[in-house]
Amino acid sequence: MLLDALVWILSDSDRARRLLALTGLEPDDLRHRAGDTVTLVAIGRFLADHERDLVACAAALDSAPSALVMATQTLAGAPDGDYE
């Protein structure tokens, strides 16, 4: 699900630039680390911190925003759903 979210993020150049700027990832790093847990968690957090994108991404993926947040929390191994 979070890999699909990454594809959605990268489909818009402004959103993609914002992801790279906020995560500190370089395009080559992102290509090589896209499936890594740490990268996927960063993607989920990026969306969770931008509600408008979270809702739009969830709709594009035919999912609920809470499912994206839960996937992030699960990958992050956060107890009780707290991933901060």
PDB file of N, CA and C in Angstrom:
ATOM      1  N   MET A   1       0.816  -1.188   0.000  1.00  0.00           N
ATOM      2  CA  MET A   1       0.000   0.000   0.000  1.00  0.00           C
ATOM      3  C   MET A   1       0.869   1.266   0.000  1.00  0.00           C
ATOM      4  N   LEU A   2       1.914   1.290   0.828  1.00  0.00           N
ATOM      5  CA  LEU A   2       2.764   2.473   0.887  1.00  0.00           C
ATOM      6  C   LEU A   2       3.629   2.611  -0.366  1.00  0.00           C
ATOM      7  N   LEU A   3       3.946   1.508  -1.002  1.00  0.00           N
ATOM      8  CA  LEU A   3       4.658   1.584  -2.274  1.00  0.00           C
ATOM      9  C   LEU A   3       3.748   2.190  -3.344  1.00  0.00           C
ATOM     10  N   ASP A   4       2.476   1.813  -3.318  1.00  0.00           N
ATOM     11  CA  ASP A   4       1.497   2.425  -4.222  1.00  0.00           C
ATOM     12  C   ASP A   4       1.344   3.912  -3.907  1.00  0.00           C
ATOM     13  N   ALA A   5       1.411   4.257  -2.635  1.00  0.00           N
ATOM     14  CA  ALA A   5       1.335   5.663  -2.238  1.00  0.00           C
ATOM     15  C   ALA A   5       2.536   6.430  -2.793  1.00  0.00           C
ATOM     16  N   LEU A   6       3.695   5.808  -2.796  1.00  0.00           N
ATOM     17  CA  LEU A   6       4.875   6.453  -3.363  1.00  0.00           C
ATOM     18  C   LEU A   6       4.674   6.732  -4.851  1.00  0.00           C
ATOM     19  N   VAL A   7       4.135   5.777  -5.567  1.00  0.00           N
ATOM     20  CA  VAL A   7       3.865   5.970  -6.992  1.00  0.00           C
ATOM     21  C   VAL A   7       2.913   7.157  -7.169  1.00  0.00           C
ATOM     22  N   TRP A   8       1.899   7.239  -6.320  1.00  0.00           N
ATOM     23  CA  TRP A   8       0.956   8.356  -6.390  1.00  0.00           C
ATOM     24  C   TRP A   8       1.664   9.683  -6.112  1.00  0.00           C
ATOM     25  N   ILE A   9       2.494   9.718  -5.091  1.00  0.00           N
ATOM     26  CA  ILE A   9       3.234  10.942  -4.753  1.00  0.00           C
ATOM     27  C   ILE A   9       4.081  11.382  -5.936  1.00  0.00           C
ATOM     28  N   LEU A  10       4.784  10.444  -6.535  1.00  0.00           N
ATOM     29  CA  LEU A  10       5.709  10.767  -7.619  1.00  0.00           C
ATOM     30  C   LEU A  10       5.008  11.134  -8.926  1.00  0.00           C
ATOM     31  N   SER A  11       3.705  10.913  -8.994  1.00  0.00           N
ATOM     32  CA  SER A  11       2.962  11.265 -10.206  1.00  0.00           C
ATOM     33  C   SER A  11       2.768  12.771 -10.353  1.00  0.00           C
ATOM     34  N   ASP A  12       3.097  13.520  -9.320  1.00  0.00           N
ATOM     35  CA  ASP A  12       2.980  14.982  -9.353  1.00  0.00           C
ATOM     36  C   ASP A  12       4.338  15.579  -9.001  1.00  0.00           C
ATOM     37  N   SER A  13       4.897  16.366  -9.900  1.00  0.00           N
ATOM     38  CA  SER A  13       6.269  16.853  -9.696  1.00  0.00           C
ATOM     39  C   SER A  13       6.406  17.749  -8.465  1.00  0.00           C
ATOM     40  N   ASP A  14       5.429  18.580  -8.172  1.00  0.00           N
ATOM     41  CA  ASP A  14       5.519  19.423  -6.970  1.00  0.00           C
ATOM     42  C   ASP A  14       5.500  18.581  -5.703  1.00  0.00           C
ATOM     43  N   ARG A  15       4.628  17.605  -5.680  1.00  0.00           N
ATOM     44  CA  ARG A  15       4.534  16.716  -4.520  1.00  0.00           C
ATOM     45  C   ARG A  15       5.814  15.903  -4.377  1.00  0.00           C
ATOM     46  N   ALA A  16       6.346  15.436  -5.493  1.00  0.00           N
ATOM     47  CA  ALA A  16       7.586  14.656  -5.468  1.00  0.00           C
ATOM     48  C   ALA A  16       8.742  15.489  -4.934  1.00  0.00           C
ATOM     49  N   ARG A  17       8.835  16.736  -5.396  1.00  0.00           N
ATOM     50  CA  ARG A  17       9.898  17.622  -4.894  1.00  0.00           C
ATOM     51  C   ARG A  17       9.745  17.862  -3.392  1.00  0.00           C
ATOM     52  N   ARG A  18       8.519  18.045  -2.944  1.00  0.00           N
ATOM     53  CA  ARG A  18       8.274  18.259  -1.512  1.00  0.00           C
ATOM     54  C   ARG A  18       8.677  17.026  -0.705  1.00  0.00           C
ATOM     55  N   LEU A  19       8.363  15.839  -1.210  1.00  0.00           N
ATOM     56  CA  LEU A  19       8.764  14.603  -0.529  1.00  0.00           C
ATOM     57  C   LEU A  19      10.281  14.545  -0.389  1.00  0.00           C
ATOM     58  N   LEU A  20      10.974  14.800  -1.483  1.00  0.00           N
ATOM     59  CA  LEU A  20      12.437  14.749  -1.440  1.00  0.00           C
ATOM     60  C   LEU A  20      12.994  15.802  -0.492  1.00  0.00           C
ATOM     61  N   ALA A  21      12.442  16.988  -0.524  1.00  0.00           N
ATOM     62  CA  ALA A  21      12.930  18.067   0.342  1.00  0.00           C
ATOM     63  C   ALA A  21      12.702  17.745   1.819  1.00  0.00           C
ATOM     64  N   LEU A  22      11.538  17.221   2.133  1.00  0.00           N
ATOM     65  CA  LEU A  22      11.217  16.969   3.536  1.00  0.00           C
ATOM     66  C   LEU A  22      11.868  15.711   4.101  1.00  0.00           C
ATOM     67  N   THR A  23      12.115  14.729   3.245  1.00  0.00           N
ATOM     68  CA  THR A  23      12.729  13.488   3.733  1.00  0.00           C
ATOM     69  C   THR A  23      14.245  13.515   3.633  1.00  0.00           C
ATOM     70  N   GLY A  24      14.769  14.425   2.804  1.00  0.00           N
ATOM     71  CA  GLY A  24      16.210  14.470   2.604  1.00  0.00           C
ATOM     72  C   GLY A  24      16.719  13.411   1.639  1.00  0.00           C
ATOM     73  N   LEU A  25      15.817  12.674   1.048  1.00  0.00           N
ATOM     74  CA  LEU A  25      16.214  11.650   0.080  1.00  0.00           C
ATOM     75  C   LEU A  25      16.579  12.288  -1.249  1.00  0.00           C
ATOM     76  N   GLU A  26      17.513  11.690  -1.931  1.00  0.00           N
ATOM     77  CA  GLU A  26      17.865  12.062  -3.297  1.00  0.00           C
ATOM     78  C   GLU A  26      17.141  11.076  -4.221  1.00  0.00           C
ATOM     79  N   PRO A  27      16.870  11.487  -5.461  1.00  0.00           N
ATOM     80  CA  PRO A  27      16.159  10.582  -6.375  1.00  0.00           C
ATOM     81  C   PRO A  27      16.787   9.191  -6.484  1.00  0.00           C
ATOM     82  N   ASP A  28      18.114   9.109  -6.591  1.00  0.00           N
ATOM     83  CA  ASP A  28      18.757   7.795  -6.687  1.00  0.00           C
ATOM     84  C   ASP A  28      18.576   6.985  -5.421  1.00  0.00           C
ATOM     85  N   ASP A  29      18.662   7.646  -4.265  1.00  0.00           N
ATOM     86  CA  ASP A  29      18.423   6.952  -2.991  1.00  0.00           C
ATOM     87  C   ASP A  29      17.014   6.393  -2.957  1.00  0.00           C
ATOM     88  N   LEU A  30      16.071   7.207  -3.369  1.00  0.00           N
ATOM     89  CA  LEU A  30      14.676   6.779  -3.349  1.00  0.00           C
ATOM     90  C   LEU A  30      14.465   5.574  -4.257  1.00  0.00           C
ATOM     91  N   ARG A  31      15.080   5.591  -5.422  1.00  0.00           N
ATOM     92  CA  ARG A  31      14.955   4.447  -6.341  1.00  0.00           C
ATOM     93  C   ARG A  31      15.506   3.170  -5.710  1.00  0.00           C
ATOM     94  N   HIS A  32      16.630   3.274  -5.033  1.00  0.00           N
ATOM     95  CA  HIS A  32      17.280   2.096  -4.462  1.00  0.00           C
ATOM     96  C   HIS A  32      16.654   1.648  -3.144  1.00  0.00           C
ATOM     97  N   ARG A  33      16.024   2.576  -2.444  1.00  0.00           N
ATOM     98  CA  ARG A  33      15.510   2.270  -1.102  1.00  0.00           C
ATOM     99  C   ARG A  33      13.990   2.296  -1.014  1.00  0.00           C
ATOM    100  N   ALA A  34      13.300   2.319  -2.133  1.00  0.00           N
ATOM    101  CA  ALA A  34      11.844   2.467  -2.143  1.00  0.00           C
ATOM    102  C   ALA A  34      11.132   1.391  -1.328  1.00  0.00           C
ATOM    103  N   GLY A  35      11.656   0.198  -1.298  1.00  0.00           N
ATOM    104  CA  GLY A  35      11.005  -0.884  -0.566  1.00  0.00           C
ATOM    105  C   GLY A  35      11.479  -1.050   0.869  1.00  0.00           C
ATOM    106  N   ASP A  36      12.457  -0.261   1.285  1.00  0.00           N
ATOM    107  CA  ASP A  36      12.970  -0.350   2.653  1.00  0.00           C
ATOM    108  C   ASP A  36      11.929   0.139   3.652  1.00  0.00           C
ATOM    109  N   THR A  37      11.883  -0.493   4.782  1.00  0.00           N
ATOM    110  CA  THR A  37      10.928  -0.118   5.822  1.00  0.00           C
ATOM    111  C   THR A  37      11.064   1.342   6.215  1.00  0.00           C
ATOM    112  N   VAL A  38      12.277   1.805   6.413  1.00  0.00           N
ATOM    113  CA  VAL A  38      12.486   3.197   6.836  1.00  0.00           C
ATOM    114  C   VAL A  38      11.943   4.161   5.782  1.00  0.00           C
ATOM    115  N   THR A  39      12.163   3.859   4.530  1.00  0.00           N
ATOM    116  CA  THR A  39      11.670   4.715   3.448  1.00  0.00           C
ATOM    117  C   THR A  39      10.152   4.681   3.380  1.00  0.00           C
ATOM    118  N   LEU A  40       9.579   3.505   3.503  1.00  0.00           N
ATOM    119  CA  LEU A  40       8.119   3.391   3.471  1.00  0.00           C
ATOM    120  C   LEU A  40       7.480   4.125   4.640  1.00  0.00           C
ATOM    121  N   VAL A  41       8.087   4.047   5.801  1.00  0.00           N
ATOM    122  CA  VAL A  41       7.572   4.787   6.959  1.00  0.00           C
ATOM    123  C   VAL A  41       7.658   6.292   6.685  1.00  0.00           C
ATOM    124  N   ALA A  42       8.746   6.738   6.092  1.00  0.00           N
ATOM    125  CA  ALA A  42       8.893   8.165   5.753  1.00  0.00           C
ATOM    126  C   ALA A  42       7.805   8.597   4.770  1.00  0.00           C
ATOM    127  N   ILE A  43       7.469   7.743   3.840  1.00  0.00           N
ATOM    128  CA  ILE A  43       6.413   8.042   2.877  1.00  0.00           C
ATOM    129  C   ILE A  43       5.071   8.172   3.592  1.00  0.00           C
ATOM    130  N   GLY A  44       4.792   7.228   4.475  1.00  0.00           N
ATOM    131  CA  GLY A  44       3.540   7.277   5.235  1.00  0.00           C
ATOM    132  C   GLY A  44       3.455   8.505   6.119  1.00  0.00           C
ATOM    133  N   ARG A  45       4.540   8.853   6.747  1.00  0.00           N
ATOM    134  CA  ARG A  45       4.556  10.046   7.601  1.00  0.00           C
ATOM    135  C   ARG A  45       4.404  11.317   6.789  1.00  0.00           C
ATOM    136  N   PHE A  46       5.034  11.334   5.610  1.00  0.00           N
ATOM    137  CA  PHE A  46       4.878  12.467   4.703  1.00  0.00           C
ATOM    138  C   PHE A  46       3.395  12.692   4.413  1.00  0.00           C
ATOM    139  N   LEU A  47       2.687  11.635   4.103  1.00  0.00           N
ATOM    140  CA  LEU A  47       1.254  11.758   3.818  1.00  0.00           C
ATOM    141  C   LEU A  47       0.464  12.136   5.065  1.00  0.00           C
ATOM    142  N   ALA A  48       0.776  11.513   6.177  1.00  0.00           N
ATOM    143  CA  ALA A  48       0.037  11.789   7.413  1.00  0.00           C
ATOM    144  C   ALA A  48       0.195  13.244   7.846  1.00  0.00           C
ATOM    145  N   ASP A  49       1.327  13.835   7.512  1.00  0.00           N
ATOM    146  CA  ASP A  49       1.578  15.234   7.883  1.00  0.00           C
ATOM    147  C   ASP A  49       0.932  16.227   6.925  1.00  0.00           C
ATOM    148  N   HIS A  50       0.364  15.739   5.842  1.00  0.00           N
ATOM    149  CA  HIS A  50      -0.295  16.584   4.840  1.00  0.00           C
ATOM    150  C   HIS A  50      -1.670  15.988   4.566  1.00  0.00           C
ATOM    151  N   GLU A  51      -2.629  16.349   5.400  1.00  0.00           N
ATOM    152  CA  GLU A  51      -3.950  15.717   5.345  1.00  0.00           C
ATOM    153  C   GLU A  51      -4.568  15.750   3.945  1.00  0.00           C
ATOM    154  N   ARG A  52      -4.424  16.852   3.263  1.00  0.00           N
ATOM    155  CA  ARG A  52      -5.002  16.950   1.923  1.00  0.00           C
ATOM    156  C   ARG A  52      -4.431  15.874   0.998  1.00  0.00           C
ATOM    157  N   ASP A  53      -3.110  15.675   1.046  1.00  0.00           N
ATOM    158  CA  ASP A  53      -2.488  14.624   0.246  1.00  0.00           C
ATOM    159  C   ASP A  53      -2.886  13.241   0.734  1.00  0.00           C
ATOM    160  N   LEU A  54      -2.968  13.080   2.035  1.00  0.00           N
ATOM    161  CA  LEU A  54      -3.367  11.779   2.602  1.00  0.00           C
ATOM    162  C   LEU A  54      -4.735  11.369   2.085  1.00  0.00           C
ATOM    163  N   VAL A  55      -5.684  12.290   2.135  1.00  0.00           N
ATOM    164  CA  VAL A  55      -7.050  11.997   1.688  1.00  0.00           C
ATOM    165  C   VAL A  55      -7.076  11.735   0.184  1.00  0.00           C
ATOM    166  N   ALA A  56      -6.362  12.555  -0.582  1.00  0.00           N
ATOM    167  CA  ALA A  56      -6.336  12.382  -2.034  1.00  0.00           C
ATOM    168  C   ALA A  56      -5.663  11.061  -2.428  1.00  0.00           C
ATOM    169  N   CYS A  57      -4.577  10.735  -1.757  1.00  0.00           N
ATOM    170  CA  CYS A  57      -3.876   9.485  -2.043  1.00  0.00           C
ATOM    171  C   CYS A  57      -4.759   8.288  -1.713  1.00  0.00           C
ATOM    172  N   ALA A  58      -5.387   8.322  -0.559  1.00  0.00           N
ATOM    173  CA  ALA A  58      -6.272   7.226  -0.163  1.00  0.00           C
ATOM    174  C   ALA A  58      -7.384   7.038  -1.189  1.00  0.00           C
ATOM    175  N   ALA A  59      -7.963   8.135  -1.650  1.00  0.00           N
ATOM    176  CA  ALA A  59      -9.024   8.042  -2.655  1.00  0.00           C
ATOM    177  C   ALA A  59      -8.492   7.430  -3.948  1.00  0.00           C
ATOM    178  N   ALA A  60      -7.308   7.852  -4.355  1.00  0.00           N
ATOM    179  CA  ALA A  60      -6.706   7.311  -5.584  1.00  0.00           C
ATOM    180  C   ALA A  60      -6.415   5.822  -5.463  1.00  0.00           C
ATOM    181  N   LEU A  61      -6.111   5.384  -4.253  1.00  0.00           N
ATOM    182  CA  LEU A  61      -5.800   3.972  -4.018  1.00  0.00           C
ATOM    183  C   LEU A  61      -7.039   3.170  -3.616  1.00  0.00           C
ATOM    184  N   ASP A  62      -8.194   3.839  -3.633  1.00  0.00           N
ATOM    185  CA  ASP A  62      -9.460   3.215  -3.226  1.00  0.00           C
ATOM    186  C   ASP A  62      -9.333   2.616  -1.833  1.00  0.00           C
ATOM    187  N   SER A  63      -8.844   3.443  -0.928  1.00  0.00           N
ATOM    188  CA  SER A  63      -8.599   3.024   0.444  1.00  0.00           C
ATOM    189  C   SER A  63      -9.043   4.138   1.383  1.00  0.00           C
ATOM    190  N   ALA A  64      -8.987   3.868   2.655  1.00  0.00           N
ATOM    191  CA  ALA A  64      -9.289   4.882   3.659  1.00  0.00           C
ATOM    192  C   ALA A  64      -7.990   5.538   4.115  1.00  0.00           C
ATOM    193  N   PRO A  65      -8.022   6.826   4.402  1.00  0.00           N
ATOM    194  CA  PRO A  65      -6.824   7.472   4.931  1.00  0.00           C
ATOM    195  C   PRO A  65      -6.273   6.744   6.160  1.00  0.00           C
ATOM    196  N   SER A  66      -7.170   6.261   6.994  1.00  0.00           N
ATOM    197  CA  SER A  66      -6.731   5.567   8.206  1.00  0.00           C
ATOM    198  C   SER A  66      -5.953   4.297   7.880  1.00  0.00           C
ATOM    199  N   ALA A  67      -6.226   3.684   6.741  1.00  0.00           N
ATOM    200  CA  ALA A  67      -5.489   2.477   6.349  1.00  0.00           C
ATOM    201  C   ALA A  67      -4.034   2.816   6.029  1.00  0.00           C
ATOM    202  N   LEU A  68      -3.808   3.963   5.396  1.00  0.00           N
ATOM    203  CA  LEU A  68      -2.438   4.399   5.126  1.00  0.00           C
ATOM    204  C   LEU A  68      -1.704   4.715   6.424  1.00  0.00           C
ATOM    205  N   VAL A  69      -2.393   5.392   7.321  1.00  0.00           N
ATOM    206  CA  VAL A  69      -1.784   5.727   8.614  1.00  0.00           C
ATOM    207  C   VAL A  69      -1.483   4.451   9.389  1.00  0.00           C
ATOM    208  N   MET A  70      -2.412   3.508   9.384  1.00  0.00           N
ATOM    209  CA  MET A  70      -2.217   2.244  10.097  1.00  0.00           C
ATOM    210  C   MET A  70      -1.061   1.442   9.500  1.00  0.00           C
ATOM    211  N   ALA A  71      -0.945   1.444   8.188  1.00  0.00           N
ATOM    212  CA  ALA A  71       0.171   0.739   7.544  1.00  0.00           C
ATOM    213  C   ALA A  71       1.497   1.348   7.987  1.00  0.00           C
ATOM    214  N   THR A  72       1.536   2.662   8.073  1.00  0.00           N
ATOM    215  CA  THR A  72       2.744   3.352   8.527  1.00  0.00           C
ATOM    216  C   THR A  72       3.054   2.986   9.968  1.00  0.00           C
ATOM    217  N   GLN A  73       2.049   3.018  10.803  1.00  0.00           N
ATOM    218  CA  GLN A  73       2.233   2.689  12.218  1.00  0.00           C
ATOM    219  C   GLN A  73       2.711   1.255  12.385  1.00  0.00           C
ATOM    220  N   THR A  74       2.148   0.356  11.628  1.00  0.00           N
ATOM    221  CA  THR A  74       2.536  -1.051  11.708  1.00  0.00           C
ATOM    222  C   THR A  74       3.998  -1.234  11.306  1.00  0.00           C
ATOM    223  N   LEU A  75       4.381  -0.627  10.192  1.00  0.00           N
ATOM    224  CA  LEU A  75       5.771  -0.735   9.754  1.00  0.00           C
ATOM    225  C   LEU A  75       6.736  -0.099  10.744  1.00  0.00           C
ATOM    226  N   ALA A  76       6.310   0.991  11.342  1.00  0.00           N
ATOM    227  CA  ALA A  76       7.175   1.694  12.292  1.00  0.00           C
ATOM    228  C   ALA A  76       7.282   0.930  13.612  1.00  0.00           C
ATOM    229  N   GLY A  77       6.394  -0.036  13.812  1.00  0.00           N
ATOM    230  CA  GLY A  77       6.419  -0.813  15.041  1.00  0.00           C
ATOM    231  C   GLY A  77       6.004  -0.014  16.257  1.00  0.00           C
ATOM    232  N   ALA A  78       5.172   0.980  16.021  1.00  0.00           N
ATOM    233  CA  ALA A  78       4.761   1.861  17.112  1.00  0.00           C
ATOM    234  C   ALA A  78       3.708   1.196  17.985  1.00  0.00           C
ATOM    235  N   PRO A  79       3.869   1.277  19.282  1.00  0.00           N
ATOM    236  CA  PRO A  79       2.866   0.754  20.189  1.00  0.00           C
ATOM    237  C   PRO A  79       1.631   1.662  20.199  1.00  0.00           C
ATOM    238  N   ASP A  80       0.481   1.069  20.259  1.00  0.00           N
ATOM    239  CA  ASP A  80      -0.778   1.808  20.407  1.00  0.00           C
ATOM    240  C   ASP A  80      -0.986   2.859  19.311  1.00  0.00           C
ATOM    241  N   GLY A  81      -0.433   2.602  18.152  1.00  0.00           N
ATOM    242  CA  GLY A  81      -0.688   3.508  17.038  1.00  0.00           C
ATOM    243  C   GLY A  81       0.018   4.844  17.109  1.00  0.00           C
ATOM    244  N   ASP A  82       0.965   5.026  18.007  1.00  0.00           N
ATOM    245  CA  ASP A  82       1.681   6.291  18.102  1.00  0.00           C
ATOM    246  C   ASP A  82       3.000   6.156  17.367  1.00  0.00           C
ATOM    247  N   TYR A  83       3.121   6.818  16.207  1.00  0.00           N
ATOM    248  CA  TYR A  83       4.344   6.676  15.429  1.00  0.00           C
ATOM    249  C   TYR A  83       5.231   7.893  15.485  1.00  0.00           C
ATOM    250  N   GLU A  84       4.918   8.859  16.242  1.00  0.00           N
ATOM    251  CA  GLU A  84       5.754  10.064  16.325  1.00  0.00           C
ATOM    252  C   GLU A  84       6.991   9.791  17.143  1.00  0.00           C
TER     253      GLU A  84
END
